Protein backbone atom coordinates (compact mmCIF):
# COMPACT_ATOMS: atom_id res chain seq x y z
CA UNK A 1 -9.43 -13.55 15.36
CA UNK A 2 -8.91 -13.92 11.70
CA UNK A 3 -11.41 -11.44 10.74
CA UNK A 4 -9.80 -8.70 12.70
CA UNK A 5 -6.47 -9.73 11.10
CA UNK A 6 -8.35 -9.45 7.67
CA UNK A 7 -9.67 -6.04 8.53
CA UNK A 8 -6.22 -4.85 9.57
CA UNK A 9 -4.76 -5.99 6.26
CA UNK A 10 -7.52 -4.48 4.33
CA UNK A 11 -7.02 -1.18 6.06
CA UNK A 12 -3.35 -1.14 5.48
CA UNK A 13 -3.98 -1.93 1.68
CA UNK A 14 -6.60 0.81 1.54
CA UNK A 15 -4.04 3.27 3.08
CA UNK A 16 -1.36 2.15 0.59
CA UNK A 17 -3.71 2.80 -2.39
CA UNK A 18 -4.49 6.15 -0.99
CA UNK A 19 -0.80 6.83 -0.75
CA UNK A 20 -0.20 5.66 -4.26
CA UNK A 21 -2.90 7.91 -5.63
CA UNK A 22 -1.30 10.93 -4.20
CA UNK A 23 1.46 10.93 -6.86
CA UNK A 24 4.31 11.43 -4.32
CA UNK A 25 5.60 7.89 -4.67
CA UNK A 26 7.46 6.19 -7.56
CA UNK A 27 6.79 2.54 -6.61
CA UNK A 28 5.20 0.02 -4.27
CA UNK A 29 8.53 -0.01 -2.35
CA UNK A 30 8.28 3.63 -1.61
CA UNK A 31 4.65 3.14 -0.56
CA UNK A 32 5.59 0.22 1.71
CA UNK A 33 8.41 2.48 3.42
CA UNK A 34 5.59 5.27 4.05
CA UNK A 35 3.27 2.74 5.65
CA UNK A 36 6.04 1.66 7.93
CA UNK A 37 6.98 5.27 8.73
CA UNK A 38 3.13 5.87 9.68
CA UNK A 39 3.41 2.96 11.95
CA UNK A 40 1.39 0.25 10.13
CA UNK A 41 2.66 -2.95 11.78
CA UNK A 42 1.20 -5.24 9.08
CA UNK A 43 2.64 -3.22 6.09
CA UNK A 44 4.82 -6.02 4.98
CA UNK A 45 2.07 -8.56 5.04
CA UNK A 46 -0.52 -6.21 3.43
CA UNK A 47 1.74 -5.81 0.41
CA UNK A 48 2.93 -9.44 0.33
CA UNK A 49 1.15 -10.49 -2.73
CA UNK A 50 2.29 -9.76 -6.30
CA UNK A 51 -1.23 -8.43 -7.07
CA UNK A 52 -1.16 -5.74 -4.24
CA UNK A 53 2.32 -4.65 -5.39
CA UNK A 54 1.41 -4.54 -8.97
CA UNK A 55 -1.80 -2.52 -8.27
CA UNK A 56 0.13 -0.02 -6.17
CA UNK A 57 2.77 0.38 -8.76
CA UNK A 58 0.12 0.96 -11.39
CA UNK A 59 -1.57 3.61 -9.28
CA UNK A 60 1.68 5.31 -8.56
CA UNK A 61 2.32 5.45 -12.25
CA UNK A 62 -0.99 6.70 -13.08
CA UNK A 63 -1.06 9.29 -10.49
CA UNK A 64 2.42 10.71 -11.47
CA UNK A 65 1.24 11.01 -15.09
CA UNK A 66 -1.36 13.58 -14.25
């Protein structure tokens, strides 16, 4: 069931990137909270890596700059 878990994490990350791109969030913590509020059970694991958090933070900054 590792593949299903991977797909779930990929889906949560994709949703996190989409949320970050909206410009409504200041940082990865705010995006994480939004994922939790939407009911993503794997939000913490999806954003567990430094790479994912930094990528989301960069997207938040870029979206808010426009």
